[in-house]
N, C-alpha and C. Protein backbone atom coordinates (compact mmCIF):
# COMPACT_ATOMS: atom_id res chain seq x y z
N UNK A 1 112.67 105.58 -71.27
CA UNK A 1 112.42 104.40 -70.49
C UNK A 1 112.54 104.71 -69.00
N UNK A 2 113.55 105.53 -68.65
CA UNK A 2 113.75 105.88 -67.25
C UNK A 2 112.56 106.68 -66.72
N UNK A 3 111.99 107.55 -67.52
CA UNK A 3 110.82 108.34 -67.12
C UNK A 3 109.62 107.46 -66.83
N UNK A 4 109.44 106.40 -67.60
CA UNK A 4 108.34 105.48 -67.38
C UNK A 4 108.52 104.72 -66.06
N UNK A 5 109.74 104.36 -65.73
CA UNK A 5 110.04 103.66 -64.48
C UNK A 5 109.78 104.59 -63.28
N UNK A 6 110.17 105.85 -63.38
CA UNK A 6 109.93 106.81 -62.30
C UNK A 6 108.43 107.03 -62.12
N UNK A 7 107.68 107.14 -63.22
CA UNK A 7 106.24 107.33 -63.15
C UNK A 7 105.56 106.12 -62.50
N UNK A 8 105.95 104.92 -62.89
CA UNK A 8 105.37 103.70 -62.33
C UNK A 8 105.66 103.60 -60.84
N UNK A 9 106.89 103.93 -60.43
CA UNK A 9 107.28 103.88 -59.02
C UNK A 9 106.47 104.90 -58.21
N UNK A 10 106.31 106.10 -58.75
CA UNK A 10 105.55 107.15 -58.07
C UNK A 10 104.09 106.73 -57.89
N UNK A 11 103.51 106.18 -58.95
CA UNK A 11 102.12 105.71 -58.86
C UNK A 11 101.98 104.60 -57.83
N UNK A 12 102.93 103.71 -57.76
CA UNK A 12 102.91 102.60 -56.80
C UNK A 12 102.99 103.14 -55.37
N UNK A 13 103.83 104.12 -55.13
CA UNK A 13 103.96 104.71 -53.80
C UNK A 13 102.67 105.43 -53.40
N UNK A 14 102.10 106.21 -54.32
CA UNK A 14 100.87 106.94 -54.04
C UNK A 14 99.72 105.97 -53.76
N UNK A 15 99.59 104.94 -54.57
CA UNK A 15 98.55 103.94 -54.38
C UNK A 15 98.72 103.22 -53.04
N UNK A 16 99.94 102.88 -52.67
CA UNK A 16 100.21 102.23 -51.39
C UNK A 16 99.79 103.12 -50.23
N UNK A 17 100.08 104.41 -50.32
CA UNK A 17 99.70 105.36 -49.26
C UNK A 17 98.18 105.45 -49.13
N UNK A 18 97.49 105.49 -50.25
CA UNK A 18 96.03 105.58 -50.22
C UNK A 18 95.44 104.31 -49.59
N UNK A 19 95.91 103.15 -49.99
CA UNK A 19 95.41 101.90 -49.43
C UNK A 19 95.73 101.78 -47.95
N UNK A 20 96.92 102.19 -47.55
CA UNK A 20 97.31 102.10 -46.15
C UNK A 20 96.45 103.01 -45.29
N UNK A 21 96.13 104.18 -45.78
CA UNK A 21 95.29 105.11 -45.03
C UNK A 21 93.90 104.54 -44.83
N UNK A 22 93.32 103.96 -45.84
CA UNK A 22 91.98 103.36 -45.74
C UNK A 22 91.96 102.16 -44.82
N UNK A 23 93.00 101.36 -44.83
CA UNK A 23 93.05 100.16 -44.01
C UNK A 23 93.25 100.49 -42.55
N UNK A 24 93.81 101.63 -42.24
CA UNK A 24 94.11 102.00 -40.86
C UNK A 24 93.08 102.93 -40.26
N UNK A 25 91.99 103.18 -40.96
CA UNK A 25 91.00 104.10 -40.39
C UNK A 25 90.38 103.44 -39.16
N UNK A 26 90.25 104.20 -38.07
CA UNK A 26 89.75 103.62 -36.82
C UNK A 26 88.25 103.36 -36.89
N UNK A 27 87.81 102.38 -36.11
CA UNK A 27 86.38 102.14 -35.98
C UNK A 27 86.00 102.61 -34.57
N UNK A 28 84.95 103.38 -34.48
CA UNK A 28 84.53 103.97 -33.22
C UNK A 28 83.27 103.29 -32.72
N UNK A 29 83.13 103.14 -31.38
CA UNK A 29 81.89 102.58 -30.85
C UNK A 29 80.76 103.60 -31.00
N UNK A 30 79.51 103.15 -30.93
CA UNK A 30 78.38 104.06 -31.07
C UNK A 30 78.31 105.12 -29.96
N UNK A 31 78.88 104.81 -28.80
CA UNK A 31 78.90 105.77 -27.69
C UNK A 31 80.04 105.40 -26.74
N UNK A 32 80.32 106.30 -25.80
CA UNK A 32 81.41 106.09 -24.85
C UNK A 32 80.87 106.12 -23.42
N UNK A 33 81.50 105.33 -22.54
CA UNK A 33 81.11 105.28 -21.13
C UNK A 33 81.09 106.70 -20.56
N UNK A 34 80.00 107.04 -19.88
CA UNK A 34 79.86 108.38 -19.32
C UNK A 34 79.16 109.36 -20.25
N UNK A 35 78.83 108.92 -21.46
CA UNK A 35 78.15 109.79 -22.43
C UNK A 35 76.63 109.66 -22.24
N UNK A 36 75.92 110.77 -22.38
CA UNK A 36 74.47 110.80 -22.25
C UNK A 36 73.87 111.46 -23.48
N UNK A 37 72.62 111.11 -23.76
CA UNK A 37 71.88 111.80 -24.81
C UNK A 37 70.45 111.99 -24.32
N UNK A 38 69.80 113.03 -24.81
CA UNK A 38 68.43 113.32 -24.42
C UNK A 38 67.44 112.36 -25.05
N UNK A 39 66.29 112.20 -24.40
CA UNK A 39 65.22 111.37 -24.94
C UNK A 39 63.88 111.92 -24.42
N UNK A 40 62.79 111.47 -24.99
CA UNK A 40 61.46 111.95 -24.60
C UNK A 40 60.75 110.93 -23.74
N UNK A 41 60.06 111.44 -22.72
CA UNK A 41 59.30 110.60 -21.80
C UNK A 41 57.81 110.87 -21.95
N UNK A 42 57.00 110.13 -21.22
CA UNK A 42 55.55 110.31 -21.24
C UNK A 42 55.20 111.71 -20.77
N UNK A 43 54.16 112.28 -21.33
CA UNK A 43 53.69 113.59 -20.92
C UNK A 43 54.57 114.73 -21.37
N UNK A 44 55.44 114.52 -22.35
CA UNK A 44 56.31 115.57 -22.87
C UNK A 44 57.50 115.89 -21.99
N UNK A 45 57.75 115.10 -20.95
CA UNK A 45 58.89 115.31 -20.06
C UNK A 45 60.16 114.86 -20.77
N UNK A 46 61.25 115.57 -20.54
CA UNK A 46 62.53 115.20 -21.13
C UNK A 46 63.31 114.32 -20.17
N UNK A 47 63.98 113.30 -20.71
CA UNK A 47 64.82 112.41 -19.92
C UNK A 47 66.18 112.29 -20.56
N UNK A 48 66.91 111.27 -20.18
CA UNK A 48 68.24 111.03 -20.75
C UNK A 48 68.51 109.54 -20.84
N UNK A 49 69.45 109.20 -21.69
CA UNK A 49 69.91 107.82 -21.84
C UNK A 49 71.41 107.82 -21.64
N UNK A 50 71.91 106.85 -20.89
CA UNK A 50 73.34 106.71 -20.66
C UNK A 50 73.90 105.62 -21.58
N UNK A 51 75.14 105.78 -21.98
CA UNK A 51 75.81 104.76 -22.79
C UNK A 51 76.01 103.50 -21.95
N UNK A 52 75.79 102.33 -22.54
CA UNK A 52 76.02 101.06 -21.85
C UNK A 52 77.48 100.93 -21.44
N UNK A 53 77.73 100.13 -20.42
CA UNK A 53 79.09 99.87 -19.96
C UNK A 53 79.92 99.26 -21.08
N UNK A 54 79.30 98.49 -21.96
CA UNK A 54 80.00 97.84 -23.07
C UNK A 54 80.18 98.76 -24.27
N UNK A 55 79.67 99.99 -24.17
CA UNK A 55 79.80 101.01 -25.22
C UNK A 55 79.24 100.56 -26.57
N UNK A 56 78.19 99.72 -26.54
CA UNK A 56 77.59 99.25 -27.79
C UNK A 56 76.23 99.88 -28.06
N UNK A 57 75.85 100.87 -27.28
CA UNK A 57 74.58 101.55 -27.48
C UNK A 57 74.12 102.22 -26.19
N UNK A 58 72.95 102.86 -26.26
CA UNK A 58 72.42 103.57 -25.10
C UNK A 58 71.38 102.73 -24.37
N UNK A 59 71.28 102.95 -23.06
CA UNK A 59 70.28 102.28 -22.22
C UNK A 59 68.93 102.93 -22.44
N UNK A 60 67.93 102.41 -21.73
CA UNK A 60 66.59 102.97 -21.83
C UNK A 60 66.51 104.38 -21.27
N UNK A 61 65.46 105.07 -21.63
CA UNK A 61 65.27 106.46 -21.21
C UNK A 61 64.96 106.54 -19.72
N UNK A 62 65.71 107.39 -18.99
CA UNK A 62 65.49 107.61 -17.56
C UNK A 62 64.63 108.87 -17.44
N UNK A 63 63.47 108.72 -16.83
CA UNK A 63 62.49 109.82 -16.78
C UNK A 63 62.19 110.24 -15.35
N UNK A 64 63.18 110.20 -14.47
CA UNK A 64 62.94 110.51 -13.06
C UNK A 64 63.17 111.98 -12.70
N UNK A 65 63.48 112.84 -13.67
CA UNK A 65 63.63 114.26 -13.41
C UNK A 65 65.02 114.70 -13.01
N UNK A 66 65.95 113.77 -12.88
CA UNK A 66 67.32 114.15 -12.51
C UNK A 66 68.10 114.53 -13.77
N UNK A 67 69.16 115.28 -13.56
CA UNK A 67 70.05 115.68 -14.64
C UNK A 67 71.43 115.13 -14.32
N UNK A 68 71.92 114.13 -15.07
CA UNK A 68 73.20 113.51 -14.72
C UNK A 68 74.36 114.49 -14.83
N UNK A 69 75.27 114.44 -13.86
CA UNK A 69 76.47 115.25 -13.89
C UNK A 69 76.27 116.69 -13.50
N UNK A 70 75.03 117.09 -13.13
CA UNK A 70 74.82 118.48 -12.76
C UNK A 70 74.63 118.58 -11.26
N UNK A 71 73.44 118.23 -10.77
CA UNK A 71 73.20 118.37 -9.34
C UNK A 71 72.50 117.16 -8.74
N UNK A 72 72.03 116.26 -9.56
CA UNK A 72 71.31 115.09 -9.06
C UNK A 72 69.92 115.43 -8.55
N UNK A 73 69.53 116.71 -8.63
CA UNK A 73 68.21 117.14 -8.16
C UNK A 73 67.17 117.00 -9.24
N UNK A 74 65.96 117.29 -8.88
CA UNK A 74 64.86 117.20 -9.83
C UNK A 74 64.66 118.53 -10.53
N UNK A 75 64.27 118.46 -11.80
CA UNK A 75 63.92 119.66 -12.53
C UNK A 75 62.57 120.15 -12.03
N UNK A 76 62.39 121.46 -11.94
CA UNK A 76 61.16 122.03 -11.42
C UNK A 76 59.95 121.67 -12.27
N UNK A 77 60.14 121.44 -13.56
CA UNK A 77 59.02 121.18 -14.45
C UNK A 77 58.58 119.71 -14.45
N UNK A 78 59.30 118.86 -13.73
CA UNK A 78 59.00 117.44 -13.73
C UNK A 78 58.07 117.09 -12.58
N UNK A 79 57.07 116.27 -12.87
CA UNK A 79 56.14 115.80 -11.85
C UNK A 79 56.91 114.94 -10.86
N UNK A 80 56.81 115.24 -9.57
CA UNK A 80 57.57 114.51 -8.56
C UNK A 80 57.04 113.11 -8.38
N UNK A 81 55.72 112.93 -8.41
CA UNK A 81 55.13 111.61 -8.27
C UNK A 81 55.20 110.91 -9.62
N UNK A 82 56.16 109.99 -9.77
CA UNK A 82 56.39 109.35 -11.06
C UNK A 82 55.17 108.56 -11.53
N UNK A 83 54.32 108.10 -10.60
CA UNK A 83 53.14 107.34 -11.04
C UNK A 83 52.18 108.22 -11.83
N UNK A 84 52.19 109.55 -11.57
CA UNK A 84 51.34 110.45 -12.34
C UNK A 84 51.83 110.59 -13.77
N UNK A 85 53.13 110.50 -13.98
CA UNK A 85 53.70 110.65 -15.32
C UNK A 85 53.79 109.32 -16.05
N UNK A 86 53.40 108.23 -15.41
CA UNK A 86 53.43 106.92 -16.05
C UNK A 86 54.84 106.36 -16.19
N UNK A 87 55.73 106.70 -15.27
CA UNK A 87 57.11 106.23 -15.38
C UNK A 87 57.47 105.23 -14.29
N UNK A 88 56.55 104.44 -13.83
CA UNK A 88 56.87 103.44 -12.82
C UNK A 88 57.48 102.22 -13.47
N UNK A 89 58.30 101.51 -12.71
CA UNK A 89 58.85 100.24 -13.15
C UNK A 89 60.15 100.30 -13.91
N UNK A 90 60.64 101.48 -14.28
CA UNK A 90 61.91 101.60 -14.98
C UNK A 90 63.08 101.65 -14.00
N UNK A 91 64.28 101.60 -14.52
CA UNK A 91 65.49 101.62 -13.68
C UNK A 91 65.52 102.88 -12.82
N UNK A 92 65.64 102.71 -11.52
CA UNK A 92 65.68 103.76 -10.51
C UNK A 92 64.42 104.62 -10.49
N UNK A 93 63.30 104.02 -10.89
CA UNK A 93 61.98 104.64 -10.77
C UNK A 93 61.19 103.84 -9.75
N UNK A 94 60.10 104.42 -9.23
CA UNK A 94 59.29 103.65 -8.28
C UNK A 94 58.81 102.34 -8.90
N UNK A 95 58.69 101.32 -8.07
CA UNK A 95 58.20 100.02 -8.54
C UNK A 95 56.75 100.15 -8.99
N UNK A 96 56.39 99.33 -9.95
CA UNK A 96 55.02 99.31 -10.44
C UNK A 96 54.10 98.56 -9.48
N UNK A 97 52.87 98.33 -9.91
CA UNK A 97 51.92 97.61 -9.07
C UNK A 97 52.45 96.25 -8.65
N UNK A 98 52.22 95.90 -7.41
CA UNK A 98 52.65 94.62 -6.83
C UNK A 98 54.16 94.42 -6.92
N UNK A 99 54.93 95.51 -6.88
CA UNK A 99 56.39 95.41 -6.87
C UNK A 99 56.99 94.96 -8.19
N UNK A 100 56.36 95.33 -9.30
CA UNK A 100 56.87 94.92 -10.61
C UNK A 100 57.81 95.98 -11.19
N UNK A 101 58.76 95.51 -12.00
CA UNK A 101 59.68 96.38 -12.72
C UNK A 101 59.60 96.04 -14.20
N UNK A 102 59.50 97.07 -15.04
CA UNK A 102 59.31 96.84 -16.47
C UNK A 102 60.61 96.63 -17.23
N UNK A 103 61.71 97.12 -16.70
CA UNK A 103 62.99 97.01 -17.40
C UNK A 103 63.59 95.63 -17.17
N UNK A 104 64.13 95.03 -18.22
CA UNK A 104 64.71 93.70 -18.12
C UNK A 104 65.88 93.72 -17.14
N UNK A 105 65.91 92.78 -16.21
CA UNK A 105 66.98 92.67 -15.23
C UNK A 105 66.78 93.51 -14.00
N UNK A 106 65.72 94.35 -13.97
CA UNK A 106 65.47 95.20 -12.81
C UNK A 106 64.71 94.41 -11.75
N UNK A 107 65.00 94.73 -10.48
CA UNK A 107 64.31 94.12 -9.35
C UNK A 107 63.78 95.22 -8.44
N UNK A 108 62.65 94.97 -7.82
CA UNK A 108 62.07 95.93 -6.90
C UNK A 108 62.74 95.75 -5.54
N UNK A 109 63.29 96.85 -5.00
CA UNK A 109 63.98 96.80 -3.71
C UNK A 109 63.43 97.91 -2.82
N UNK A 110 63.23 97.61 -1.55
CA UNK A 110 62.70 98.59 -0.61
C UNK A 110 63.86 99.32 0.08
N UNK A 111 64.09 100.58 -0.35
CA UNK A 111 65.10 101.43 0.26
C UNK A 111 64.47 102.12 1.47
N UNK A 112 65.19 102.17 2.57
CA UNK A 112 64.65 102.70 3.82
C UNK A 112 64.10 104.11 3.66
N UNK A 113 64.86 105.01 3.05
CA UNK A 113 64.43 106.41 2.97
C UNK A 113 63.74 106.77 1.65
N UNK A 114 63.73 105.87 0.67
CA UNK A 114 63.19 106.21 -0.65
C UNK A 114 61.99 105.37 -1.05
N UNK A 115 61.69 104.33 -0.30
CA UNK A 115 60.57 103.45 -0.65
C UNK A 115 61.00 102.38 -1.64
N UNK A 116 60.03 101.80 -2.33
CA UNK A 116 60.30 100.71 -3.27
C UNK A 116 60.72 101.29 -4.62
N UNK A 117 61.94 100.96 -5.03
CA UNK A 117 62.54 101.47 -6.27
C UNK A 117 63.02 100.28 -7.10
N UNK A 118 62.82 100.36 -8.42
CA UNK A 118 63.35 99.34 -9.34
C UNK A 118 64.84 99.61 -9.51
N UNK A 119 65.65 98.62 -9.25
CA UNK A 119 67.10 98.75 -9.35
C UNK A 119 67.64 97.48 -9.99
N UNK A 120 68.94 97.31 -9.95
CA UNK A 120 69.58 96.11 -10.51
C UNK A 120 70.44 95.45 -9.45
N UNK A 121 70.61 94.14 -9.58
CA UNK A 121 71.55 93.44 -8.72
C UNK A 121 72.97 93.77 -9.20
N UNK A 122 73.92 93.83 -8.26
CA UNK A 122 75.28 94.20 -8.63
C UNK A 122 76.29 93.59 -7.66
N UNK A 123 77.53 93.56 -8.10
CA UNK A 123 78.64 93.18 -7.23
C UNK A 123 79.70 94.27 -7.22
N UNK A 124 79.76 95.07 -8.30
CA UNK A 124 80.72 96.17 -8.41
C UNK A 124 79.99 97.46 -8.74
N UNK A 125 80.56 98.59 -8.40
CA UNK A 125 79.95 99.88 -8.72
C UNK A 125 79.81 100.07 -10.22
N UNK A 126 80.71 99.47 -11.01
CA UNK A 126 80.64 99.59 -12.47
C UNK A 126 79.42 98.86 -13.05
N UNK A 127 78.76 98.02 -12.25
CA UNK A 127 77.54 97.33 -12.68
C UNK A 127 76.33 98.27 -12.66
N UNK A 128 76.49 99.45 -12.08
CA UNK A 128 75.37 100.37 -11.85
C UNK A 128 75.50 101.62 -12.71
N UNK A 129 74.70 101.73 -13.78
CA UNK A 129 74.75 102.94 -14.61
C UNK A 129 74.20 104.15 -13.87
N UNK A 130 74.56 105.34 -14.35
CA UNK A 130 74.06 106.59 -13.78
C UNK A 130 72.54 106.60 -13.87
N UNK A 131 71.89 107.24 -12.98
CA UNK A 131 72.39 108.15 -11.96
C UNK A 131 72.71 107.49 -10.63
N UNK A 132 72.80 106.17 -10.57
CA UNK A 132 73.18 105.50 -9.33
C UNK A 132 74.61 105.87 -8.98
N UNK A 133 74.89 106.01 -7.69
CA UNK A 133 76.24 106.35 -7.25
C UNK A 133 77.10 105.11 -7.04
N UNK A 134 76.56 103.93 -7.30
CA UNK A 134 77.36 102.71 -7.18
C UNK A 134 76.57 101.57 -6.60
N UNK A 135 77.29 100.52 -6.26
CA UNK A 135 76.69 99.28 -5.76
C UNK A 135 76.68 99.28 -4.23
N UNK A 136 75.55 98.96 -3.64
CA UNK A 136 75.47 98.78 -2.20
C UNK A 136 75.88 97.35 -1.91
N UNK A 137 77.11 97.18 -1.47
CA UNK A 137 77.64 95.83 -1.26
C UNK A 137 76.90 95.09 -0.14
N UNK A 138 76.29 95.83 0.80
CA UNK A 138 75.51 95.19 1.87
C UNK A 138 74.26 94.52 1.33
N UNK A 139 73.63 95.16 0.33
CA UNK A 139 72.39 94.64 -0.22
C UNK A 139 72.54 93.99 -1.58
N UNK A 140 73.64 94.24 -2.27
CA UNK A 140 73.87 93.66 -3.59
C UNK A 140 73.00 94.26 -4.68
N UNK A 141 72.61 95.54 -4.50
CA UNK A 141 71.80 96.24 -5.50
C UNK A 141 72.41 97.63 -5.75
N UNK A 142 72.08 98.22 -6.91
CA UNK A 142 72.53 99.57 -7.24
C UNK A 142 71.81 100.56 -6.34
N UNK A 143 72.57 101.54 -5.83
CA UNK A 143 72.00 102.54 -4.93
C UNK A 143 71.06 103.47 -5.69
N UNK A 144 69.99 103.87 -5.00
CA UNK A 144 69.05 104.85 -5.57
C UNK A 144 69.62 106.24 -5.34
N UNK A 145 69.47 107.15 -6.32
CA UNK A 145 70.02 108.51 -6.13
C UNK A 145 69.25 109.30 -5.08
C-alpha cells in the first residue's frame, strides 16, 4: 500500500512540473525594435524592412539604397534616381507625381538640401523608424537621411 502511495505522489509531482513548464512558456513578439530583415524591390534591387515600434510586425520595404546600421550611404549597385527604379512615394523616398506619397500616413515635405521626400509627421524621435535619425521638432516631420 505504501508503494502505491509513493508512486501516486511521484506521478502527481511529475505531472505538476510538466503542466507548470507548459503554462510558463514565454510568448515572443514577431520582431523586436531595431531588428531588420531583407526584402525585394522593383528591378531586382534589395531593400530592408524595419520592425514596427509596437513590435507587432515589419514595416514596408525601404528601397532607397541605404543599409541601416552600417554607413547610411548608398550601395553602388542601386540606381540613385529612385524614379528610374519605380520607388517614388514610399517612406523617405522621393515624392511621387504632384507631391503624392503611396505609404499610408506619409506626407510629402520639401527638405532644403534633399528636395521633396515622403516622410511622416512626428512629435518624438521614436515616431520615426530607421533610416531616419529622428524627428525634426521645428518642422514636425521625420528627418530624411
